[in-house]
Amino acid sequence: MIRALDVYLYEAHVATITRRGENLQLRYLPEYAASDDPVPISVTLPVVSTPFGNDDTKRFLDNLLPDRADVRSRWAREAKLSSDSTFDLLSVYGADVAGALEFYPAGTSPRQEENLAPLAEKEIGDRIRQIRRDDSDWLQHRTVEEGFSLGGAQGKFALALRDNQWFEPSGRQPSTHIFKPGIQPLPGSDVTEHITLQLAGLLGLDAAASVIAEFDGEHVLIVERFDRFPHNGVVARVHQEDLAQATGTSHVQKYEADGGPGYRDLFTVFDRNLSATDAKTAKERFAKLHVFSWIVGHNDGHAKNFSLTHVSGRSTLAPFYDLNSSLPFKQREQVLSHNPAVFDNVELAFGVNGANTLGSFNADSIRQLETDAGLPEGHLRDFARQIAAGLQAFVAVALEPLPDRLQELPAVSLYPHATYAQTLRVRDTLP
């Protein structure tokens, strides 16, 4: 049985995690703690000489793995592990997680080989089909030894793009893009996520870059990883953590409604860990994203769907990702009524003084959000009006490049009708 894991950050051995029974303990190496400006694994795990106990350690590590119990159990079976505990899973799948951390059984040298296996269009199409058939099967065609893990609940896989060719990366080669076939059973949700990401960008919100591509007849959302960047001719990893990790929140409490952090808790993280200027920017960006979410019906913006990036001693709020609209998946007759009241009960991921649905969020909510974010009165109200004024034109821009067959998907064809209803909501709420 493996009793310890070595933790590497940017190829340096920085900490060790030991297991005694069910208890985990993380301790930074003394030489790393004594080095100049050591980078912490997490803002909840600062570089100190004393160890961190089970709760702090496990909450951080849990968020590096898929949220779903069925996926974790499947990974354990495929790796022939005796349990699906976080520690056991990371001993196998921890070499390529989100960000720049790497986990290996103690005494194991980090991987040195670098492999890129080219993939044919049909091979990628097969992977997409497999996840659509069984979205607990994230590892199809990928060997356990490659040590790959992505957090979250959706079935997905990651590939590397080099010179317009897709590759299966292994060893020290990092992936560069995440492939998301969509949420089952919501056909077309990969396309609506792309549209929503495009809208965010067109409205000036910093969102992850995405495209919709087709492989052997299968459409898929491809999101460019912002925890990777080109450096001296190679692709390098970027240290990051999601805001569940940064608030010390278990993945089972990622939603505020389940006991997770509210937006004020996230603002506290910004104030404590970002420079004053970057914290102010982060709060404004988050507040604008919340207003955008109210208008487009994005209700999955929990703590794990926001991240901090840590680069060269500076922490910032990462680009937004996992943005989508739940509204086009309502009954067709409801969406085509263009009546915003049919969406009143759609929940928001965060509440503002108890206003946590599209129908209860109002002008008072916006003023409170402005106050808490340190923004001038009227700043977010004007932003909401700006969104409403340009939204339908931007939806058309996002839809136009899509192939006709994708535009004809029910959720995609209903998207402009849902957003039109929401522009009426803004008009009525903020006259």
Protein backbone atom coordinates (compact mmCIF):
# COMPACT_ATOMS: atom_id res chain seq x y z
CA MET A 1 0.00 0.00 0.00
CA ILE A 2 1.27 3.47 -0.91
CA ARG A 3 1.62 5.56 2.24
CA ALA A 4 3.03 8.84 0.88
CA LEU A 5 2.77 11.05 -2.20
CA ASP A 6 5.37 13.54 -3.37
CA VAL A 7 3.97 16.85 -4.63
CA TYR A 8 5.75 18.67 -7.45
CA LEU A 9 5.17 22.23 -8.61
CA TYR A 10 6.95 23.48 -11.71
CA GLU A 11 9.14 20.36 -11.63
CA ALA A 12 10.31 21.06 -8.06
CA HIS A 13 9.54 18.68 -5.19
CA VAL A 14 7.73 20.99 -2.76
CA ALA A 15 5.73 18.84 -0.33
CA THR A 16 4.84 15.34 0.80
CA ILE A 17 1.41 13.95 1.70
CA THR A 18 1.39 11.04 4.14
CA ARG A 19 -1.46 8.68 4.95
CA ARG A 20 -2.13 7.03 8.28
CA GLY A 21 -5.34 5.06 8.16
CA GLU A 22 -7.93 7.46 6.75
CA ASN A 23 -6.03 10.58 7.80
CA LEU A 24 -3.92 12.67 5.42
CA GLN A 25 -1.23 15.16 6.32
CA LEU A 26 0.54 17.59 4.00
CA ARG A 27 3.94 19.01 4.91
CA TYR A 28 6.16 21.29 2.86
CA LEU A 29 9.78 20.22 2.53
CA PRO A 30 11.97 22.22 4.94
CA GLU A 31 14.28 23.36 2.15
CA TYR A 32 11.30 24.56 0.10
CA ALA A 33 9.78 26.42 3.05
CA ALA A 34 13.15 28.11 3.63
CA SER A 35 13.63 29.11 -0.01
CA ASP A 36 13.13 32.63 -1.35
CA ASP A 37 9.45 33.43 -2.12
CA PRO A 38 8.13 29.84 -2.21
CA VAL A 39 4.82 29.48 -4.07
CA PRO A 40 2.05 27.90 -1.97
CA ILE A 41 0.06 24.95 -3.26
CA SER A 42 -3.08 26.86 -2.29
CA VAL A 43 -3.99 30.05 -0.49
CA THR A 44 -5.49 27.71 2.14
CA LEU A 45 -2.16 25.87 2.40
CA PRO A 46 0.43 28.64 2.90
CA VAL A 47 4.10 27.69 2.98
CA VAL A 48 4.84 27.05 6.65
CA SER A 49 7.01 24.52 8.47
CA THR A 50 4.11 22.91 10.37
CA PRO A 51 1.97 20.23 8.69
CA PHE A 52 -1.62 20.57 7.55
CA GLY A 53 -4.16 18.11 8.89
CA ASN A 54 -6.64 15.81 7.22
CA ASP A 55 -9.50 18.24 6.62
CA ASP A 56 -7.46 21.02 5.01
CA THR A 57 -5.48 18.56 2.92
CA LYS A 58 -8.39 16.44 1.74
CA ARG A 59 -10.65 19.37 0.82
CA PHE A 60 -7.98 20.73 -1.50
CA LEU A 61 -7.11 17.38 -3.06
CA ASP A 62 -10.74 16.30 -3.54
CA ASN A 63 -11.33 19.19 -5.90
CA LEU A 64 -8.63 17.94 -8.29
CA LEU A 65 -10.73 14.88 -9.10
CA PRO A 66 -14.11 14.40 -10.79
CA ASP A 67 -17.04 15.28 -8.55
CA ARG A 68 -19.09 12.25 -9.46
CA ALA A 69 -18.88 9.12 -7.33
CA ASP A 70 -19.57 6.85 -10.30
CA VAL A 71 -16.61 8.30 -12.21
CA ARG A 72 -14.29 7.95 -9.21
CA SER A 73 -15.38 4.36 -8.66
CA ARG A 74 -14.82 3.55 -12.32
CA TRP A 75 -11.34 5.06 -12.24
CA ALA A 76 -10.51 2.99 -9.16
CA ARG A 77 -11.69 -0.21 -10.85
CA GLU A 78 -9.75 0.51 -14.04
CA ALA A 79 -6.59 1.14 -12.01
CA LYS A 80 -7.24 -1.99 -9.89
CA LEU A 81 -7.16 0.10 -6.72
CA SER A 82 -8.50 -1.24 -3.46
CA SER A 83 -10.49 1.97 -2.86
CA ASP A 84 -11.62 5.12 -4.63
CA SER A 85 -10.21 7.38 -1.91
CA THR A 86 -8.73 10.69 -2.97
CA PHE A 87 -5.24 9.58 -1.95
CA ASP A 88 -5.41 6.31 -3.92
CA LEU A 89 -6.80 7.99 -7.02
CA LEU A 90 -4.13 10.69 -7.01
CA SER A 91 -1.44 8.05 -6.65
CA VAL A 92 -2.43 6.92 -10.15
CA TYR A 93 -4.12 9.89 -11.82
CA GLY A 94 -2.29 12.79 -10.17
CA ALA A 95 0.48 13.37 -12.68
CA ASP A 96 -1.66 15.61 -14.93
CA VAL A 97 -4.27 17.60 -13.03
CA ALA A 98 -5.61 21.13 -13.48
CA GLY A 99 -2.87 23.70 -13.06
CA ALA A 100 0.80 22.90 -12.54
CA LEU A 101 0.78 20.43 -9.65
CA GLU A 102 1.91 16.82 -10.08
CA PHE A 103 1.49 13.93 -7.62
CA TYR A 104 3.58 10.74 -7.55
CA PRO A 105 4.00 7.86 -5.10
CA ALA A 106 6.83 8.84 -2.75
CA GLY A 107 10.24 8.10 -4.17
CA THR A 108 8.96 7.88 -7.74
CA SER A 109 10.79 10.14 -10.15
CA PRO A 110 8.58 12.51 -12.15
CA ARG A 111 7.92 11.42 -15.68
CA GLN A 112 10.66 12.39 -18.10
CA GLU A 113 9.34 10.95 -21.36
CA GLU A 114 7.43 13.26 -23.68
CA ASN A 115 4.99 11.65 -26.10
CA LEU A 116 2.50 13.04 -28.58
CA ALA A 117 0.46 10.40 -30.43
CA PRO A 118 -1.43 11.81 -33.44
CA LEU A 119 -5.16 11.11 -33.51
CA ALA A 120 -7.32 10.57 -36.58
CA GLU A 121 -10.68 12.31 -36.89
CA LYS A 122 -12.51 9.00 -36.38
CA GLU A 123 -10.63 8.31 -33.15
CA ILE A 124 -11.75 11.64 -31.71
CA GLY A 125 -15.28 11.04 -32.97
CA ASP A 126 -15.29 7.66 -31.22
CA ARG A 127 -14.36 9.30 -27.92
CA ILE A 128 -17.17 11.82 -28.25
CA ARG A 129 -19.65 9.05 -29.04
CA GLN A 130 -18.46 6.98 -26.10
CA ILE A 131 -19.00 9.81 -23.60
CA ARG A 132 -22.43 10.48 -25.09
CA ARG A 133 -23.28 6.80 -24.57
CA ASP A 134 -21.78 6.67 -21.08
CA ASP A 135 -20.64 9.95 -19.57
CA SER A 136 -18.91 8.15 -16.70
CA ASP A 137 -16.34 6.83 -19.21
CA TRP A 138 -13.83 9.68 -19.38
CA LEU A 139 -10.81 7.46 -19.95
CA GLN A 140 -11.77 5.65 -23.13
CA HIS A 141 -8.62 4.76 -25.12
CA ARG A 142 -6.44 6.37 -22.45
CA THR A 143 -4.25 4.13 -20.36
CA VAL A 144 -4.30 4.44 -16.59
CA GLU A 145 -0.54 4.92 -16.57
CA GLU A 146 -0.90 8.29 -18.30
CA GLY A 147 -2.10 9.80 -15.03
CA PHE A 148 -4.81 12.18 -16.22
CA SER A 149 -7.46 13.93 -14.08
CA LEU A 150 -9.95 16.72 -14.63
CA GLY A 151 -12.35 17.97 -11.98
CA GLY A 152 -16.04 18.71 -12.37
CA ALA A 153 -19.14 16.70 -13.20
CA GLN A 154 -19.27 16.61 -17.00
CA GLY A 155 -17.73 13.86 -19.08
CA LYS A 156 -14.74 15.34 -20.91
CA PHE A 157 -11.26 14.62 -22.21
CA ALA A 158 -8.15 16.66 -22.99
CA LEU A 159 -5.86 16.69 -26.04
CA ALA A 160 -2.88 18.69 -27.25
CA LEU A 161 -2.95 20.85 -30.37
CA ARG A 162 0.30 21.23 -32.30
CA ASP A 163 0.47 22.76 -35.80
CA ASN A 164 -3.25 22.18 -36.43
CA GLN A 165 -2.99 18.47 -35.51
CA TRP A 166 -4.61 16.87 -32.46
CA PHE A 167 -2.45 14.62 -30.30
CA GLU A 168 -2.83 12.39 -27.28
CA PRO A 169 -0.24 13.81 -24.84
CA SER A 170 1.51 11.69 -22.27
CA GLY A 171 4.54 11.89 -20.07
CA ARG A 172 5.59 15.49 -19.54
CA GLN A 173 3.62 16.76 -22.52
CA PRO A 174 0.62 18.74 -21.24
CA SER A 175 -2.75 18.90 -22.94
CA THR A 176 -3.83 22.27 -24.32
CA HIS A 177 -7.59 21.91 -24.92
CA ILE A 178 -10.55 20.29 -23.18
CA PHE A 179 -13.22 18.50 -25.25
CA LYS A 180 -16.75 18.64 -23.80
CA PRO A 181 -19.45 16.63 -25.61
CA GLY A 182 -22.16 18.24 -23.46
CA ILE A 183 -24.37 17.37 -20.53
CA GLN A 184 -26.60 14.36 -20.82
CA PRO A 185 -29.55 14.41 -21.26
CA LEU A 186 -29.39 17.98 -22.63
CA PRO A 187 -28.65 17.57 -26.35
CA GLY A 188 -26.91 20.58 -27.80
CA SER A 189 -25.60 21.81 -24.45
CA ASP A 190 -22.07 21.81 -25.85
CA VAL A 191 -23.24 24.27 -28.52
CA THR A 192 -25.17 26.49 -26.09
CA GLU A 193 -22.11 26.62 -23.83
CA HIS A 194 -20.04 27.84 -26.77
CA ILE A 195 -22.66 30.48 -27.60
CA THR A 196 -22.69 31.67 -23.98
CA LEU A 197 -18.90 31.89 -23.85
CA GLN A 198 -18.95 33.86 -27.08
CA LEU A 199 -21.57 36.25 -25.71
CA ALA A 200 -19.50 36.84 -22.58
CA GLY A 201 -16.48 37.74 -24.70
CA LEU A 202 -18.47 40.02 -27.00
CA LEU A 203 -19.80 41.85 -23.93
CA GLY A 204 -16.29 42.47 -22.60
CA LEU A 205 -16.14 39.70 -20.02
CA ASP A 206 -12.86 37.77 -19.99
CA ALA A 207 -13.95 34.25 -20.91
CA ALA A 208 -12.11 31.13 -22.02
CA ALA A 209 -11.67 30.79 -25.78
CA SER A 210 -13.83 28.11 -27.38
CA VAL A 211 -14.87 26.65 -30.72
CA ILE A 212 -17.43 24.12 -31.87
CA ALA A 213 -15.83 21.44 -34.04
CA GLU A 214 -17.01 18.25 -35.72
CA PHE A 215 -15.17 14.93 -35.85
CA ASP A 216 -16.54 12.04 -37.86
CA GLY A 217 -20.04 13.49 -37.65
CA GLU A 218 -19.91 14.35 -33.93
CA HIS A 219 -20.02 17.95 -32.72
CA VAL A 220 -18.12 18.93 -29.58
CA LEU A 221 -17.14 22.02 -27.61
CA ILE A 222 -13.38 22.61 -27.47
CA VAL A 223 -12.17 25.00 -24.77
CA GLU A 224 -8.62 26.33 -24.78
CA ARG A 225 -6.96 25.73 -21.42
CA PHE A 226 -5.94 28.94 -19.65
CA ASP A 227 -3.74 26.93 -17.27
CA ARG A 228 -1.34 26.33 -20.17
CA PHE A 229 0.81 28.81 -22.08
CA PRO A 230 3.60 28.75 -24.67
CA HIS A 231 7.06 29.33 -23.21
CA ASN A 232 10.36 29.08 -25.08
CA GLY A 233 8.82 26.98 -27.80
CA VAL A 234 7.08 24.50 -25.49
CA VAL A 235 3.75 24.41 -23.67
CA ALA A 236 4.08 25.11 -19.95
CA ARG A 237 1.65 24.55 -17.10
CA VAL A 238 0.25 27.45 -15.05
CA HIS A 239 -0.40 27.12 -11.32
CA GLN A 240 -4.05 27.65 -10.44
CA GLU A 241 -6.76 26.64 -7.99
CA ASP A 242 -10.51 26.90 -8.10
CA LEU A 243 -12.42 28.95 -5.57
CA ALA A 244 -13.70 25.88 -3.76
CA GLN A 245 -10.05 25.09 -3.03
CA ALA A 246 -9.28 28.73 -2.23
CA THR A 247 -12.13 28.84 0.31
CA GLY A 248 -11.39 25.40 1.78
CA THR A 249 -14.72 24.05 0.53
CA SER A 250 -15.50 20.38 -0.13
CA HIS A 251 -16.58 19.56 -3.67
CA VAL A 252 -19.93 18.35 -2.30
CA GLN A 253 -20.63 21.88 -1.05
CA LYS A 254 -19.57 23.79 -4.15
CA TYR A 255 -23.00 25.45 -4.43
CA GLU A 256 -23.99 28.13 -1.95
CA ALA A 257 -27.35 26.35 -1.56
CA ASP A 258 -25.48 23.27 -0.31
CA GLY A 259 -23.57 25.19 2.34
CA GLY A 260 -20.80 26.45 0.06
CA PRO A 261 -19.36 29.96 -0.16
CA GLY A 262 -21.42 32.98 -1.15
CA TYR A 263 -20.11 35.79 -3.28
CA ARG A 264 -19.04 37.79 -0.22
CA ASP A 265 -16.84 34.85 0.80
CA LEU A 266 -15.23 34.96 -2.64
CA PHE A 267 -14.69 38.71 -2.31
CA THR A 268 -12.91 38.04 0.99
CA VAL A 269 -10.58 35.60 -0.79
CA PHE A 270 -9.80 38.31 -3.35
CA ASP A 271 -9.09 40.91 -0.66
CA ARG A 272 -6.83 38.56 1.32
CA ASN A 273 -4.83 37.06 -1.52
CA LEU A 274 -4.75 39.51 -4.42
CA SER A 275 -3.18 42.94 -4.58
CA ALA A 276 -5.58 45.79 -3.88
CA THR A 277 -5.77 46.60 -7.59
CA ASP A 278 -6.27 43.00 -8.66
CA ALA A 279 -8.86 42.41 -5.91
CA LYS A 280 -10.85 45.43 -7.08
CA THR A 281 -10.72 44.18 -10.66
CA ALA A 282 -11.71 40.65 -9.62
CA LYS A 283 -14.75 41.89 -7.69
CA GLU A 284 -15.90 44.04 -10.61
CA ARG A 285 -15.46 41.14 -13.04
CA PHE A 286 -17.35 38.77 -10.77
CA ALA A 287 -20.18 41.27 -10.20
CA LYS A 288 -20.57 41.82 -13.94
CA LEU A 289 -20.54 38.07 -14.53
CA HIS A 290 -23.35 37.71 -11.97
CA VAL A 291 -25.45 40.30 -13.80
CA PHE A 292 -24.71 38.52 -17.08
CA SER A 293 -25.75 35.22 -15.46
CA TRP A 294 -29.05 36.77 -14.37
CA ILE A 295 -29.79 37.88 -17.91
CA VAL A 296 -28.73 34.76 -19.84
CA GLY A 297 -29.90 32.25 -17.22
CA HIS A 298 -26.49 30.86 -16.30
CA ASN A 299 -27.12 28.99 -13.05
CA ASP A 300 -24.07 26.75 -12.69
CA GLY A 301 -21.54 29.33 -11.53
CA HIS A 302 -20.59 27.57 -8.30
CA ALA A 303 -17.27 27.97 -6.48
CA LYS A 304 -15.49 25.33 -8.58
CA ASN A 305 -16.35 27.23 -11.75
CA PHE A 306 -14.10 30.15 -10.84
CA SER A 307 -10.33 29.98 -10.44
CA LEU A 308 -7.31 31.94 -9.32
CA THR A 309 -4.11 31.80 -11.34
CA HIS A 310 -0.79 32.23 -9.54
CA VAL A 311 1.99 33.47 -11.83
CA SER A 312 5.29 35.11 -10.86
CA GLY A 313 4.14 35.95 -7.36
CA ARG A 314 0.89 37.51 -8.57
CA SER A 315 -2.60 36.05 -8.12
CA THR A 316 -5.51 37.03 -10.37
CA LEU A 317 -9.03 35.86 -11.16
CA ALA A 318 -8.79 33.52 -14.14
CA PRO A 319 -10.90 33.84 -17.30
CA PHE A 320 -14.49 32.68 -16.86
CA TYR A 321 -15.40 29.18 -18.01
CA ASP A 322 -18.28 26.66 -17.86
CA LEU A 323 -20.78 29.35 -18.82
CA ASN A 324 -24.12 28.20 -20.21
CA SER A 325 -27.80 29.07 -20.33
CA SER A 326 -30.42 26.76 -18.86
CA LEU A 327 -33.28 28.66 -20.48
CA PRO A 328 -33.36 27.10 -23.98
CA PHE A 329 -33.91 23.71 -22.35
CA LYS A 330 -37.30 24.71 -20.99
CA GLN A 331 -40.44 23.55 -22.81
CA ARG A 332 -40.57 24.92 -26.33
CA GLU A 333 -43.96 26.60 -25.87
CA GLN A 334 -42.71 28.38 -22.76
CA VAL A 335 -39.62 29.73 -24.47
CA LEU A 336 -41.54 30.84 -27.57
CA SER A 337 -43.99 32.79 -25.40
CA HIS A 338 -41.25 35.41 -24.88
CA ASN A 339 -42.60 35.81 -21.36
CA PRO A 340 -39.75 36.24 -18.85
CA ALA A 341 -42.05 35.11 -16.04
CA VAL A 342 -41.71 31.48 -17.21
CA PHE A 343 -38.07 31.68 -16.07
CA ASP A 344 -38.78 33.32 -12.70
CA ASN A 345 -37.96 30.21 -10.67
CA VAL A 346 -34.63 29.47 -12.37
CA GLU A 347 -32.06 29.59 -9.58
CA LEU A 348 -28.85 31.58 -9.59
CA ALA A 349 -25.70 30.02 -8.17
CA PHE A 350 -25.30 32.92 -5.73
CA GLY A 351 -27.91 34.89 -3.87
CA VAL A 352 -27.79 38.61 -3.12
CA ASN A 353 -29.55 39.27 0.19
CA GLY A 354 -31.67 36.19 -0.44
CA ALA A 355 -32.46 36.99 -4.08
CA ASN A 356 -31.31 33.80 -5.76
CA THR A 357 -33.70 33.34 -8.69
CA LEU A 358 -34.14 35.19 -11.96
CA GLY A 359 -37.47 36.49 -10.74
CA SER A 360 -36.31 37.69 -7.32
CA PHE A 361 -33.07 39.36 -8.45
CA ASN A 362 -33.92 43.03 -8.99
CA ALA A 363 -32.70 46.61 -8.89
CA ASP A 364 -32.09 46.40 -5.13
CA SER A 365 -29.95 43.29 -5.70
CA ILE A 366 -27.88 45.16 -8.25
CA ARG A 367 -27.36 48.10 -5.89
CA GLN A 368 -26.25 45.72 -3.12
CA LEU A 369 -23.85 43.98 -5.48
CA GLU A 370 -22.42 47.35 -6.51
CA THR A 371 -21.87 48.28 -2.87
CA ASP A 372 -20.22 44.98 -1.98
CA ALA A 373 -17.96 45.12 -5.04
CA GLY A 374 -16.97 48.73 -4.31
CA LEU A 375 -18.49 49.97 -7.57
CA PRO A 376 -20.13 53.35 -8.17
CA GLU A 377 -23.91 53.43 -7.94
CA GLY A 378 -25.41 52.72 -11.34
CA HIS A 379 -22.34 50.93 -12.71
CA LEU A 380 -23.94 47.48 -12.86
CA ARG A 381 -27.35 48.86 -13.75
CA ASP A 382 -25.82 50.51 -16.81
CA PHE A 383 -23.98 47.30 -17.64
CA ALA A 384 -27.24 45.32 -17.49
CA ARG A 385 -28.90 47.80 -19.81
CA GLN A 386 -25.92 47.59 -22.15
CA ILE A 387 -26.26 43.81 -22.26
CA ALA A 388 -29.98 44.00 -22.96
CA ALA A 389 -29.48 46.55 -25.74
CA GLY A 390 -26.88 44.49 -27.61
CA LEU A 391 -27.74 40.93 -26.65
CA GLN A 392 -29.81 39.86 -29.64
CA ALA A 393 -27.28 41.22 -32.12
CA PHE A 394 -24.48 39.39 -30.31
CA VAL A 395 -26.50 36.16 -30.23
CA ALA A 396 -26.82 36.43 -34.02
CA VAL A 397 -23.06 36.93 -34.30
CA ALA A 398 -22.40 33.83 -32.17
CA LEU A 399 -24.89 31.71 -34.13
CA GLU A 400 -23.91 32.77 -37.64
CA PRO A 401 -20.72 30.64 -38.05
CA LEU A 402 -22.42 27.46 -36.84
CA PRO A 403 -23.39 24.85 -39.45
CA ASP A 404 -27.10 24.79 -40.28
CA ARG A 405 -27.61 21.40 -38.65
CA LEU A 406 -26.28 22.72 -35.34
CA GLN A 407 -28.41 25.86 -35.56
CA GLU A 408 -31.42 23.58 -35.98
CA LEU A 409 -30.82 21.75 -32.69
CA PRO A 410 -33.83 22.56 -30.47
CA ALA A 411 -31.84 24.24 -27.69
CA VAL A 412 -29.80 26.26 -30.18
CA SER A 413 -32.81 27.41 -32.20
CA LEU A 414 -34.57 28.45 -28.97
CA TYR A 415 -31.56 30.34 -27.59
CA PRO A 416 -32.43 33.72 -29.25
CA HIS A 417 -36.03 33.45 -28.06
CA ALA A 418 -34.95 32.83 -24.47
CA THR A 419 -32.52 35.74 -24.46
CA TYR A 420 -35.12 38.03 -26.06
CA ALA A 421 -37.46 37.30 -23.15
CA GLN A 422 -34.67 38.17 -20.75
CA THR A 423 -34.07 41.53 -22.44
CA LEU A 424 -37.71 42.26 -21.62
CA ARG A 425 -37.00 41.32 -18.01
CA VAL A 426 -34.19 43.87 -17.87
CA ARG A 427 -36.45 46.52 -19.40
CA ASP A 428 -39.14 45.85 -16.81
CA THR A 429 -36.75 45.54 -13.85
CA LEU A 430 -34.50 48.49 -14.69
CA PRO A 431 -36.73 51.04 -16.44
